[in-house]
Every structure is written in C-alpha cells, then in structure tokens.
Amino acid sequence: MPSLLRPIIPILFVLLWSTGFIMARLGMETAEPASFLSVRFALAALALGVFALVFPSLRTLKLSWMSIAHAGVAGVLLQAIYLGGVFAGVNHGIGAGLSSLIVGIQPVLTVVLAALWLSEKLTWSTIGGITLGFLGLVLVTAEWGLADGAISLQGVGFCITALFGITLGTLYQKRFCQSLDLHINMIAQYAASVLFLLPFALTWESYAIDWTPKLLLVMAWLVFVLSIGAVFLLMWLIKVGEAGRVSTLFFLVPPVVAIEAWLLFDEPLTLKVIVGTAMSIAGVAIVSGVLKKPRKA
C-alpha cells in the first residue's frame, strides 16, 4: 500500500462501511430481505471462489471440515442473521440512521455477555457507559418516532435480532475461527448464509426481485465493495497494526449514516438526534475502553 494512501484508508473504511445501511434502504425498495441477501451472498461466495482458483497459494491450503463448519456457524450469525435483521428492519420502515445506531450498541452488548458468560468484572465506568449509550438510543428513537409518526416495533425487533447476531457471531468467530484462512473463512460464511436464508426466502417471501438498473448497482456495490472490499480493507488495517484505531472507527459509522440518510432520504437530523447519537457513541466508547485514561507507570 503506497504510503501516501495510508492516512486516508481509515476514512475510506468508515465511508464504505456506512454505505451498507444506505444500500439496505435502496435495496428494499424493489426486493425482499431474505431473497435479496441470498443472491448477494451467493454472488460474493462465487466471486471469492473464482479468486481462490486463480491464486495457487489458496488452492494448496489444507482445510479442516470442522473449521469450515465453525466458519459456517459464524457466517450464519455474522452475515445471515445480522444483515438479515438490518435489511428486514429497514423493510419494515426503520430508517438507515436508526438501524445503524441500534446495531452500533454491539460493543456494549459484547461486554455484558462477556461479564455473564466469562465472569469478567463490570466496573462503574462500564455501567455508566451502558446507561449513557442506552439513553442516547432512546432519545434518537423517540425523536425519529415523532418525526415518522410511529416506529415499527417489528422493525426494531429485527434490528435487535441483528444486534445479537453480530455480537454472538463476533464471540464465536474469536473462539472457533482464528486458525482458518480468511479467504476460505469468508467463502464458508457466505455459502452457509445462502443455505440458511433460502428456506425463509422460498417459504415466506415471493423470491420475486425487480431487477431495476438501480438495484443492479446496489447489488454490485454490496457484493464487491462491501462483502469483499470493505472486509479485506478491515483485515489490512488490523494487519498493519491499526486494530486499536479500527475499534474507534466503528463509533463513527452511526453519525456518518445519519448524515448520509439526511442528505439522501431526508431522515431527520435534529439537535436531539445529534445529541442522542453522540451519547450512544460516547457510551460505547467508554464501555470499550477507548476513553479510559492510560495507567501511570
């Protein structure tokens, strides 16, 4: 990576990641969630599979069926349930900004689950961060509810399901999928997600997708820019020692989505929305330790 480009990579990552919520709203205009995502994941798996055939180093990897199975479980949680929940929430009227904010509480939920399952200690600063983040979310939800007339409880439920999907998927990925090659891991995740979503698409949806030129562009963006490009960009940031900064980058996604949704869809960007979003971001940052002062030697 040229040295001149390195400073803009974190900014590029935030901008790309934030567009996923915008594309979810655009995609749901002429398609149904499970149907659309099953096609997206199939295309992503196919593209990665072609890439694997081209590079000899990937063809010679020794694969464990157990590790691939673990990657499949992680994929169902991280891809099918997480993205399926976000897309279904948007399909039920939840705005791009609110859906990104709900899912953005993920680090807080991770800390709580770690305390319950792994007996990690909950400090007063952690409890304060959780409270601050939750109050910020309530403020934004109430404000958007007043602006839209009503907030779909079913849509919020889907977004909360997405929140649990990405949280549990992250924990599962860290526990069982660290030894598997990233490229093969992603293929297994996308393939398992297709198999998981197809019954929902064929049973509860019509699987009728109106392939308008706009939807084709949305699909191409989601497959190549997000499912492949943004994920590998994230891995590059971690590889070059930017893991700490990457965790803080995710805090910037909800406000960026809020601005994008305001510009593109006229979603409200009132003072209460700005304050509530800032409260949620600060709460997540406190829980994740980003705002903790370093200990003196």
C-alpha atoms as a PDB file:
ATOM      1  CA  MET A   1       0.000   0.000   0.000  1.00  0.00           C
ATOM      2  CA  PRO A   2       1.579   3.367  -1.024  1.00  0.00           C
ATOM      3  CA  SER A   3       2.488   5.487   1.984  1.00  0.00           C
ATOM      4  CA  LEU A   4       0.548   8.463   0.628  1.00  0.00           C
ATOM      5  CA  LEU A   5      -2.684   6.449   0.689  1.00  0.00           C
ATOM      6  CA  ARG A   6      -2.343   5.048   4.216  1.00  0.00           C
ATOM      7  CA  PRO A   7      -3.709   8.128   6.067  1.00  0.00           C
ATOM      8  CA  ILE A   8      -6.959   8.045   4.068  1.00  0.00           C
ATOM      9  CA  ILE A   9      -7.604   4.294   4.463  1.00  0.00           C
ATOM     10  CA  PRO A  10      -9.405   4.632   7.866  1.00  0.00           C
ATOM     11  CA  ILE A  11     -11.600   7.392   6.438  1.00  0.00           C
ATOM     12  CA  LEU A  12     -12.340   5.288   3.363  1.00  0.00           C
ATOM     13  CA  PHE A  13     -13.249   2.305   5.549  1.00  0.00           C
ATOM     14  CA  VAL A  14     -15.791   4.314   7.584  1.00  0.00           C
ATOM     15  CA  LEU A  15     -17.370   5.737   4.439  1.00  0.00           C
ATOM     16  CA  LEU A  16     -17.633   2.307   2.787  1.00  0.00           C
ATOM     17  CA  TRP A  17     -18.980   0.563   5.891  1.00  0.00           C
ATOM     18  CA  SER A  18     -21.611   3.252   6.441  1.00  0.00           C
ATOM     19  CA  THR A  19     -22.991   2.796   2.925  1.00  0.00           C
ATOM     20  CA  GLY A  20     -24.191  -0.702   3.845  1.00  0.00           C
ATOM     21  CA  PHE A  21     -27.130   0.795   5.746  1.00  0.00           C
ATOM     22  CA  ILE A  22     -27.882   3.201   2.894  1.00  0.00           C
ATOM     23  CA  MET A  23     -27.802   0.361   0.368  1.00  0.00           C
ATOM     24  CA  ALA A  24     -30.121  -1.670   2.593  1.00  0.00           C
ATOM     25  CA  ARG A  25     -32.772   1.023   2.263  1.00  0.00           C
ATOM     26  CA  LEU A  26     -32.262   1.320  -1.504  1.00  0.00           C
ATOM     27  CA  GLY A  27     -32.302  -2.449  -1.968  1.00  0.00           C
ATOM     28  CA  MET A  28     -35.521  -2.940  -0.027  1.00  0.00           C
ATOM     29  CA  GLU A  29     -37.415  -0.666  -2.423  1.00  0.00           C
ATOM     30  CA  THR A  30     -37.777  -3.447  -5.021  1.00  0.00           C
ATOM     31  CA  ALA A  31     -36.737  -6.667  -3.238  1.00  0.00           C
ATOM     32  CA  GLU A  32     -37.414  -8.696  -0.111  1.00  0.00           C
ATOM     33  CA  PRO A  33     -34.735  -9.177   2.578  1.00  0.00           C
ATOM     34  CA  ALA A  34     -34.003 -12.937   2.534  1.00  0.00           C
ATOM     35  CA  SER A  35     -34.368 -13.168  -1.250  1.00  0.00           C
ATOM     36  CA  PHE A  36     -32.041 -10.243  -1.901  1.00  0.00           C
ATOM     37  CA  LEU A  37     -29.406 -11.316   0.620  1.00  0.00           C
ATOM     38  CA  SER A  38     -29.341 -14.933  -0.551  1.00  0.00           C
ATOM     39  CA  VAL A  39     -28.455 -13.701  -4.039  1.00  0.00           C
ATOM     40  CA  ARG A  40     -25.892 -11.268  -2.634  1.00  0.00           C
ATOM     41  CA  PHE A  41     -24.147 -13.923  -0.561  1.00  0.00           C
ATOM     42  CA  ALA A  42     -24.181 -16.420  -3.436  1.00  0.00           C
ATOM     43  CA  LEU A  43     -22.522 -13.876  -5.734  1.00  0.00           C
ATOM     44  CA  ALA A  44     -19.946 -12.975  -3.063  1.00  0.00           C
ATOM     45  CA  ALA A  45     -19.103 -16.654  -2.486  1.00  0.00           C
ATOM     46  CA  LEU A  46     -18.815 -17.199  -6.243  1.00  0.00           C
ATOM     47  CA  ALA A  47     -16.519 -14.188  -6.688  1.00  0.00           C
ATOM     48  CA  LEU A  48     -14.293 -15.296  -3.812  1.00  0.00           C
ATOM     49  CA  GLY A  49     -14.294 -18.851  -5.164  1.00  0.00           C
ATOM     50  CA  VAL A  50     -13.034 -17.644  -8.563  1.00  0.00           C
ATOM     51  CA  PHE A  51     -10.380 -15.614  -6.758  1.00  0.00           C
ATOM     52  CA  ALA A  52      -9.303 -18.731  -4.846  1.00  0.00           C
ATOM     53  CA  LEU A  53      -8.913 -20.709  -8.088  1.00  0.00           C
ATOM     54  CA  VAL A  54      -6.715 -18.013  -9.609  1.00  0.00           C
ATOM     55  CA  PHE A  55      -4.161 -17.875  -6.795  1.00  0.00           C
ATOM     56  CA  PRO A  56      -2.155 -21.111  -6.298  1.00  0.00           C
ATOM     57  CA  SER A  57      -1.432 -20.417  -2.627  1.00  0.00           C
ATOM     58  CA  LEU A  58      -5.131 -20.702  -1.822  1.00  0.00           C
ATOM     59  CA  ARG A  59      -5.507 -23.925  -3.817  1.00  0.00           C
ATOM     60  CA  THR A  60      -2.812 -25.657  -1.752  1.00  0.00           C
ATOM     61  CA  LEU A  61      -4.266 -24.845   1.658  1.00  0.00           C
ATOM     62  CA  LYS A  62      -5.039 -27.811   3.892  1.00  0.00           C
ATOM     63  CA  LEU A  63      -8.631 -27.488   5.023  1.00  0.00           C
ATOM     64  CA  SER A  64     -10.354 -28.920   8.082  1.00  0.00           C
ATOM     65  CA  TRP A  65     -14.036 -29.704   7.692  1.00  0.00           C
ATOM     66  CA  MET A  66     -14.550 -28.878  11.363  1.00  0.00           C
ATOM     67  CA  SER A  67     -13.027 -25.411  10.950  1.00  0.00           C
ATOM     68  CA  ILE A  68     -15.149 -24.843   7.858  1.00  0.00           C
ATOM     69  CA  ALA A  69     -18.249 -25.886   9.825  1.00  0.00           C
ATOM     70  CA  HIS A  70     -17.326 -23.398  12.562  1.00  0.00           C
ATOM     71  CA  ALA A  71     -16.924 -20.699   9.898  1.00  0.00           C
ATOM     72  CA  GLY A  72     -20.374 -21.592   8.607  1.00  0.00           C
ATOM     73  CA  VAL A  73     -21.929 -21.082  12.037  1.00  0.00           C
ATOM     74  CA  ALA A  74     -20.113 -17.762  12.412  1.00  0.00           C
ATOM     75  CA  GLY A  75     -21.327 -16.788   8.958  1.00  0.00           C
ATOM     76  CA  VAL A  76     -24.966 -17.507   9.772  1.00  0.00           C
ATOM     77  CA  LEU A  77     -24.649 -15.230  12.817  1.00  0.00           C
ATOM     78  CA  LEU A  78     -22.479 -12.502  11.281  1.00  0.00           C
ATOM     79  CA  GLN A  79     -23.973 -12.452   7.796  1.00  0.00           C
ATOM     80  CA  ALA A  80     -27.435 -14.030   7.588  1.00  0.00           C
ATOM     81  CA  ILE A  81     -28.863 -13.008  10.987  1.00  0.00           C
ATOM     82  CA  TYR A  82     -27.008  -9.692  11.304  1.00  0.00           C
ATOM     83  CA  LEU A  83     -27.564  -8.391   7.782  1.00  0.00           C
ATOM     84  CA  GLY A  84     -30.898 -10.172   7.506  1.00  0.00           C
ATOM     85  CA  GLY A  85     -32.074  -8.366  10.624  1.00  0.00           C
ATOM     86  CA  VAL A  86     -30.866  -4.992   9.361  1.00  0.00           C
ATOM     87  CA  PHE A  87     -32.469  -5.437   5.929  1.00  0.00           C
ATOM     88  CA  ALA A  88     -35.716  -6.759   7.429  1.00  0.00           C
ATOM     89  CA  GLY A  89     -35.797  -3.828   9.860  1.00  0.00           C
ATOM     90  CA  VAL A  90     -35.345  -1.352   7.040  1.00  0.00           C
ATOM     91  CA  ASN A  91     -38.010  -3.225   5.062  1.00  0.00           C
ATOM     92  CA  HIS A  92     -40.389  -2.615   7.996  1.00  0.00           C
ATOM     93  CA  GLY A  93     -39.785   1.120   7.991  1.00  0.00           C
ATOM     94  CA  ILE A  94     -36.754   1.550  10.239  1.00  0.00           C
ATOM     95  CA  GLY A  95     -34.532   4.308   8.886  1.00  0.00           C
ATOM     96  CA  ALA A  96     -30.925   3.768   7.894  1.00  0.00           C
ATOM     97  CA  GLY A  97     -29.717   6.020  10.702  1.00  0.00           C
ATOM     98  CA  LEU A  98     -31.706   4.306  13.449  1.00  0.00           C
ATOM     99  CA  SER A  99     -30.793   0.803  12.264  1.00  0.00           C
ATOM    100  CA  SER A 100     -27.090   1.683  12.294  1.00  0.00           C
ATOM    101  CA  LEU A 101     -27.408   3.168  15.775  1.00  0.00           C
ATOM    102  CA  ILE A 102     -29.176   0.113  17.219  1.00  0.00           C
ATOM    103  CA  VAL A 103     -26.548  -2.237  15.786  1.00  0.00           C
ATOM    104  CA  GLY A 104     -23.849   0.198  16.935  1.00  0.00           C
ATOM    105  CA  ILE A 105     -24.565  -0.774  20.542  1.00  0.00           C
ATOM    106  CA  GLN A 106     -22.864  -4.122  19.756  1.00  0.00           C
ATOM    107  CA  PRO A 107     -19.675  -3.467  21.785  1.00  0.00           C
ATOM    108  CA  VAL A 108     -21.825  -2.722  24.841  1.00  0.00           C
ATOM    109  CA  LEU A 109     -23.758  -5.985  24.477  1.00  0.00           C
ATOM    110  CA  THR A 110     -20.492  -7.866  23.993  1.00  0.00           C
ATOM    111  CA  VAL A 111     -19.162  -6.547  27.296  1.00  0.00           C
ATOM    112  CA  VAL A 112     -22.376  -7.512  29.111  1.00  0.00           C
ATOM    113  CA  LEU A 113     -22.365 -11.037  27.670  1.00  0.00           C
ATOM    114  CA  ALA A 114     -18.679 -11.436  28.493  1.00  0.00           C
ATOM    115  CA  ALA A 115     -19.459 -10.481  32.081  1.00  0.00           C
ATOM    116  CA  LEU A 116     -22.264 -13.042  32.257  1.00  0.00           C
ATOM    117  CA  TRP A 117     -20.552 -15.912  30.438  1.00  0.00           C
ATOM    118  CA  LEU A 118     -16.874 -15.300  31.164  1.00  0.00           C
ATOM    119  CA  SER A 119     -17.232 -13.753  34.628  1.00  0.00           C
ATOM    120  CA  GLU A 120     -15.474 -10.585  33.526  1.00  0.00           C
ATOM    121  CA  LYS A 121     -15.820  -7.724  36.001  1.00  0.00           C
ATOM    122  CA  LEU A 122     -18.299  -4.916  35.342  1.00  0.00           C
ATOM    123  CA  THR A 123     -16.821  -1.615  36.516  1.00  0.00           C
ATOM    124  CA  TRP A 124     -18.774   1.507  37.385  1.00  0.00           C
ATOM    125  CA  SER A 125     -17.429   3.201  34.243  1.00  0.00           C
ATOM    126  CA  THR A 126     -18.743   0.285  32.179  1.00  0.00           C
ATOM    127  CA  ILE A 127     -22.171   0.522  33.803  1.00  0.00           C
ATOM    128  CA  GLY A 128     -22.152   4.285  33.225  1.00  0.00           C
ATOM    129  CA  GLY A 129     -21.217   3.795  29.576  1.00  0.00           C
ATOM    130  CA  ILE A 130     -24.003   1.260  29.075  1.00  0.00           C
ATOM    131  CA  THR A 131     -26.516   3.646  30.636  1.00  0.00           C
ATOM    132  CA  LEU A 132     -25.311   6.588  28.544  1.00  0.00           C
ATOM    133  CA  GLY A 133     -25.434   4.590  25.316  1.00  0.00           C
ATOM    134  CA  PHE A 134     -28.920   3.266  26.080  1.00  0.00           C
ATOM    135  CA  LEU A 135     -30.288   6.735  26.928  1.00  0.00           C
ATOM    136  CA  GLY A 136     -28.848   8.097  23.686  1.00  0.00           C
ATOM    137  CA  LEU A 137     -30.554   5.343  21.723  1.00  0.00           C
ATOM    138  CA  VAL A 138     -33.875   6.026  23.477  1.00  0.00           C
ATOM    139  CA  LEU A 139     -33.567   9.754  22.683  1.00  0.00           C
ATOM    140  CA  VAL A 140     -32.931   9.146  18.981  1.00  0.00           C
ATOM    141  CA  THR A 141     -35.664   6.506  18.738  1.00  0.00           C
ATOM    142  CA  ALA A 142     -38.206   8.817  20.360  1.00  0.00           C
ATOM    143  CA  GLU A 143     -37.237  11.719  18.088  1.00  0.00           C
ATOM    144  CA  TRP A 144     -37.480   9.663  14.905  1.00  0.00           C
ATOM    145  CA  GLY A 145     -40.740   8.189  16.146  1.00  0.00           C
ATOM    146  CA  LEU A 146     -42.222  11.666  16.463  1.00  0.00           C
ATOM    147  CA  ALA A 147     -40.932  12.621  13.011  1.00  0.00           C
ATOM    148  CA  ASP A 148     -42.243   9.492  11.277  1.00  0.00           C
ATOM    149  CA  GLY A 149     -45.479   9.265  13.237  1.00  0.00           C
ATOM    150  CA  ALA A 150     -44.626   5.830  14.652  1.00  0.00           C
ATOM    151  CA  ILE A 151     -41.697   3.448  14.960  1.00  0.00           C
ATOM    152  CA  SER A 152     -42.344  -0.115  13.807  1.00  0.00           C
ATOM    153  CA  LEU A 153     -41.838  -2.367  16.827  1.00  0.00           C
ATOM    154  CA  GLN A 154     -41.394  -5.308  14.473  1.00  0.00           C
ATOM    155  CA  GLY A 155     -38.709  -3.384  12.606  1.00  0.00           C
ATOM    156  CA  VAL A 156     -36.935  -2.534  15.860  1.00  0.00           C
ATOM    157  CA  GLY A 157     -37.170  -6.213  16.805  1.00  0.00           C
ATOM    158  CA  PHE A 158     -35.416  -7.216  13.587  1.00  0.00           C
ATOM    159  CA  CYS A 159     -32.634  -4.687  14.261  1.00  0.00           C
ATOM    160  CA  ILE A 160     -32.231  -6.012  17.801  1.00  0.00           C
ATOM    161  CA  THR A 161     -32.008  -9.517  16.344  1.00  0.00           C
ATOM    162  CA  ALA A 162     -29.267  -8.209  14.062  1.00  0.00           C
ATOM    163  CA  LEU A 163     -27.522  -6.759  17.117  1.00  0.00           C
ATOM    164  CA  PHE A 164     -27.483 -10.150  18.846  1.00  0.00           C
ATOM    165  CA  GLY A 165     -26.396 -11.833  15.613  1.00  0.00           C
ATOM    166  CA  ILE A 166     -23.277  -9.721  15.160  1.00  0.00           C
ATOM    167  CA  THR A 167     -22.470  -9.892  18.888  1.00  0.00           C
ATOM    168  CA  LEU A 168     -22.728 -13.676  19.169  1.00  0.00           C
ATOM    169  CA  GLY A 169     -21.067 -14.084  15.778  1.00  0.00           C
ATOM    170  CA  THR A 170     -18.096 -11.990  16.868  1.00  0.00           C
ATOM    171  CA  LEU A 171     -17.656 -14.055  20.025  1.00  0.00           C
ATOM    172  CA  TYR A 172     -17.997 -17.306  18.056  1.00  0.00           C
ATOM    173  CA  GLN A 173     -15.572 -16.117  15.383  1.00  0.00           C
ATOM    174  CA  LYS A 174     -12.958 -15.267  18.008  1.00  0.00           C
ATOM    175  CA  ARG A 175     -13.431 -18.582  19.782  1.00  0.00           C
ATOM    176  CA  PHE A 176     -13.515 -21.061  16.905  1.00  0.00           C
ATOM    177  CA  CYS A 177     -12.388 -19.486  13.606  1.00  0.00           C
ATOM    178  CA  GLN A 178      -8.998 -17.881  14.206  1.00  0.00           C
ATOM    179  CA  SER A 179      -6.930 -20.639  12.570  1.00  0.00           C
ATOM    180  CA  LEU A 180      -8.834 -20.742   9.268  1.00  0.00           C
ATOM    181  CA  ASP A 181      -7.558 -18.746   6.297  1.00  0.00           C
ATOM    182  CA  LEU A 182      -9.576 -15.521   5.964  1.00  0.00           C
ATOM    183  CA  HIS A 183     -10.413 -16.100   2.310  1.00  0.00           C
ATOM    184  CA  ILE A 184     -11.744 -19.618   2.885  1.00  0.00           C
ATOM    185  CA  ASN A 185     -13.484 -18.391   6.037  1.00  0.00           C
ATOM    186  CA  MET A 186     -15.433 -15.812   4.060  1.00  0.00           C
ATOM    187  CA  ILE A 187     -16.437 -18.322   1.359  1.00  0.00           C
ATOM    188  CA  ALA A 188     -17.747 -20.712   4.043  1.00  0.00           C
ATOM    189  CA  GLN A 189     -19.605 -17.879   5.771  1.00  0.00           C
ATOM    190  CA  TYR A 190     -21.352 -16.721   2.611  1.00  0.00           C
ATOM    191  CA  ALA A 191     -22.209 -20.255   1.459  1.00  0.00           C
ATOM    192  CA  ALA A 192     -23.707 -21.149   4.856  1.00  0.00           C
ATOM    193  CA  SER A 193     -25.674 -17.888   4.863  1.00  0.00           C
ATOM    194  CA  VAL A 194     -27.231 -18.739   1.496  1.00  0.00           C
ATOM    195  CA  LEU A 195     -28.333 -22.147   2.796  1.00  0.00           C
ATOM    196  CA  PHE A 196     -29.746 -20.527   5.936  1.00  0.00           C
ATOM    197  CA  LEU A 197     -31.704 -17.806   4.120  1.00  0.00           C
ATOM    198  CA  LEU A 198     -33.110 -19.820   1.220  1.00  0.00           C
ATOM    199  CA  PRO A 199     -35.875 -21.562   3.247  1.00  0.00           C
ATOM    200  CA  PHE A 200     -37.061 -18.167   4.541  1.00  0.00           C
ATOM    201  CA  ALA A 201     -36.968 -16.674   1.050  1.00  0.00           C
ATOM    202  CA  LEU A 202     -38.841 -19.588  -0.536  1.00  0.00           C
ATOM    203  CA  THR A 203     -41.387 -20.022   2.284  1.00  0.00           C
ATOM    204  CA  TRP A 204     -42.283 -16.529   3.474  1.00  0.00           C
ATOM    205  CA  GLU A 205     -41.229 -14.422   0.506  1.00  0.00           C
ATOM    206  CA  SER A 206     -42.133 -14.448  -3.169  1.00  0.00           C
ATOM    207  CA  TYR A 207     -38.471 -14.540  -4.285  1.00  0.00           C
ATOM    208  CA  ALA A 208     -39.564 -12.100  -6.961  1.00  0.00           C
ATOM    209  CA  ILE A 209     -36.867  -9.449  -7.347  1.00  0.00           C
ATOM    210  CA  ASP A 210     -37.464  -6.467  -9.625  1.00  0.00           C
ATOM    211  CA  TRP A 211     -34.007  -6.076 -11.171  1.00  0.00           C
ATOM    212  CA  THR A 212     -34.094  -2.389 -11.928  1.00  0.00           C
ATOM    213  CA  PRO A 213     -30.861  -0.668 -13.020  1.00  0.00           C
ATOM    214  CA  LYS A 214     -30.658   0.916  -9.566  1.00  0.00           C
ATOM    215  CA  LEU A 215     -30.992  -2.446  -7.814  1.00  0.00           C
ATOM    216  CA  LEU A 216     -28.278  -3.946 -10.024  1.00  0.00           C
ATOM    217  CA  LEU A 217     -25.946  -1.129  -8.992  1.00  0.00           C
ATOM    218  CA  VAL A 218     -26.871  -1.655  -5.331  1.00  0.00           C
ATOM    219  CA  MET A 219     -26.150  -5.388  -5.629  1.00  0.00           C
ATOM    220  CA  ALA A 220     -22.805  -4.787  -7.342  1.00  0.00           C
ATOM    221  CA  TRP A 221     -21.820  -2.306  -4.642  1.00  0.00           C
ATOM    222  CA  LEU A 222     -22.806  -4.630  -1.796  1.00  0.00           C
ATOM    223  CA  VAL A 223     -21.025  -7.655  -3.280  1.00  0.00           C
ATOM    224  CA  PHE A 224     -17.760  -6.162  -4.464  1.00  0.00           C
ATOM    225  CA  VAL A 225     -17.324  -3.020  -2.365  1.00  0.00           C
ATOM    226  CA  LEU A 226     -18.721  -4.253   0.965  1.00  0.00           C
ATOM    227  CA  SER A 227     -18.795  -8.063   1.085  1.00  0.00           C
ATOM    228  CA  ILE A 228     -15.314  -8.267  -0.443  1.00  0.00           C
ATOM    229  CA  GLY A 229     -13.601  -4.863  -0.471  1.00  0.00           C
ATOM    230  CA  ALA A 230     -14.572  -3.467   2.940  1.00  0.00           C
ATOM    231  CA  VAL A 231     -13.940  -6.772   4.739  1.00  0.00           C
ATOM    232  CA  PHE A 232     -10.451  -7.152   3.297  1.00  0.00           C
ATOM    233  CA  LEU A 233      -9.764  -3.474   3.946  1.00  0.00           C
ATOM    234  CA  LEU A 234     -10.619  -4.099   7.580  1.00  0.00           C
ATOM    235  CA  MET A 235      -8.206  -7.034   7.650  1.00  0.00           C
ATOM    236  CA  TRP A 236      -5.477  -4.847   6.138  1.00  0.00           C
ATOM    237  CA  LEU A 237      -5.963  -2.206   8.838  1.00  0.00           C
ATOM    238  CA  ILE A 238      -5.581  -4.854  11.537  1.00  0.00           C
ATOM    239  CA  LYS A 239      -2.573  -6.412   9.797  1.00  0.00           C
ATOM    240  CA  VAL A 240      -0.605  -3.153   9.741  1.00  0.00           C
ATOM    241  CA  GLY A 241      -1.170  -2.577  13.442  1.00  0.00           C
ATOM    242  CA  GLU A 242      -4.311  -0.434  13.315  1.00  0.00           C
ATOM    243  CA  ALA A 243      -6.522  -2.744  15.380  1.00  0.00           C
ATOM    244  CA  GLY A 244      -6.924  -0.181  18.167  1.00  0.00           C
ATOM    245  CA  ARG A 245      -7.929   2.528  15.755  1.00  0.00           C
ATOM    246  CA  VAL A 246     -10.293   0.202  13.904  1.00  0.00           C
ATOM    247  CA  SER A 247     -12.348  -0.250  17.077  1.00  0.00           C
ATOM    248  CA  THR A 248     -12.788   3.515  17.295  1.00  0.00           C
ATOM    249  CA  LEU A 249     -13.687   3.758  13.601  1.00  0.00           C
ATOM    250  CA  PHE A 250     -16.901   1.822  14.199  1.00  0.00           C
ATOM    251  CA  PHE A 251     -18.046   4.576  16.570  1.00  0.00           C
ATOM    252  CA  LEU A 252     -18.043   6.964  13.604  1.00  0.00           C
ATOM    253  CA  VAL A 253     -20.377   4.850  11.476  1.00  0.00           C
ATOM    254  CA  PRO A 254     -23.766   5.873  13.021  1.00  0.00           C
ATOM    255  CA  PRO A 255     -23.202   9.645  12.682  1.00  0.00           C
ATOM    256  CA  VAL A 256     -21.920   9.200   9.124  1.00  0.00           C
ATOM    257  CA  VAL A 257     -25.003   7.111   8.285  1.00  0.00           C
ATOM    258  CA  ALA A 258     -27.229   9.752   9.919  1.00  0.00           C
ATOM    259  CA  ILE A 259     -25.711  12.456   7.696  1.00  0.00           C
ATOM    260  CA  GLU A 260     -25.959  10.281   4.578  1.00  0.00           C
ATOM    261  CA  ALA A 261     -29.590   9.349   5.350  1.00  0.00           C
ATOM    262  CA  TRP A 262     -30.415  13.026   5.955  1.00  0.00           C
ATOM    263  CA  LEU A 263     -28.933  14.015   2.592  1.00  0.00           C
ATOM    264  CA  LEU A 264     -30.357  11.098   0.573  1.00  0.00           C
ATOM    265  CA  PHE A 265     -33.658  10.276   2.265  1.00  0.00           C
ATOM    266  CA  ASP A 266     -34.437  13.404   4.279  1.00  0.00           C
ATOM    267  CA  GLU A 267     -34.308  11.435   7.538  1.00  0.00           C
ATOM    268  CA  PRO A 268     -34.430  13.947  10.417  1.00  0.00           C
ATOM    269  CA  LEU A 269     -31.129  15.315  11.689  1.00  0.00           C
ATOM    270  CA  THR A 270     -32.394  17.412  14.588  1.00  0.00           C
ATOM    271  CA  LEU A 271     -30.457  18.573  17.628  1.00  0.00           C
ATOM    272  CA  LYS A 272     -31.939  15.705  19.673  1.00  0.00           C
ATOM    273  CA  VAL A 273     -30.803  13.171  17.070  1.00  0.00           C
ATOM    274  CA  ILE A 274     -27.296  14.654  17.092  1.00  0.00           C
ATOM    275  CA  VAL A 275     -27.136  14.701  20.907  1.00  0.00           C
ATOM    276  CA  GLY A 276     -28.581  11.202  21.222  1.00  0.00           C
ATOM    277  CA  THR A 277     -26.169   9.803  18.649  1.00  0.00           C
ATOM    278  CA  ALA A 278     -23.242  11.464  20.417  1.00  0.00           C
ATOM    279  CA  MET A 279     -24.414   9.994  23.755  1.00  0.00           C
ATOM    280  CA  SER A 280     -24.593   6.496  22.261  1.00  0.00           C
ATOM    281  CA  ILE A 281     -21.161   6.794  20.663  1.00  0.00           C
ATOM    282  CA  ALA A 282     -19.664   8.084  23.926  1.00  0.00           C
ATOM    283  CA  GLY A 283     -21.305   5.262  25.871  1.00  0.00           C
ATOM    284  CA  VAL A 284     -19.947   2.617  23.519  1.00  0.00           C
ATOM    285  CA  ALA A 285     -16.512   4.248  23.634  1.00  0.00           C
ATOM    286  CA  ILE A 286     -16.480   4.228  27.452  1.00  0.00           C
ATOM    287  CA  VAL A 287     -17.521   0.574  27.625  1.00  0.00           C
ATOM    288  CA  SER A 288     -14.893  -0.397  25.053  1.00  0.00           C
ATOM    289  CA  GLY A 289     -12.169   1.383  26.993  1.00  0.00           C
ATOM    290  CA  VAL A 290     -11.408   3.935  24.299  1.00  0.00           C
ATOM    291  CA  LEU A 291     -11.929   6.888  26.636  1.00  0.00           C
ATOM    292  CA  LYS A 292     -10.135   5.356  29.620  1.00  0.00           C
ATOM    293  CA  LYS A 293      -7.019   7.167  30.698  1.00  0.00           C
ATOM    294  CA  PRO A 294      -3.806   5.152  30.459  1.00  0.00           C
ATOM    295  CA  ARG A 295      -2.429   3.944  33.739  1.00  0.00           C
ATOM    296  CA  LYS A 296       0.642   5.659  35.071  1.00  0.00           C
ATOM    297  CA  ALA A 297       3.759   3.537  35.243  1.00  0.00           C
END
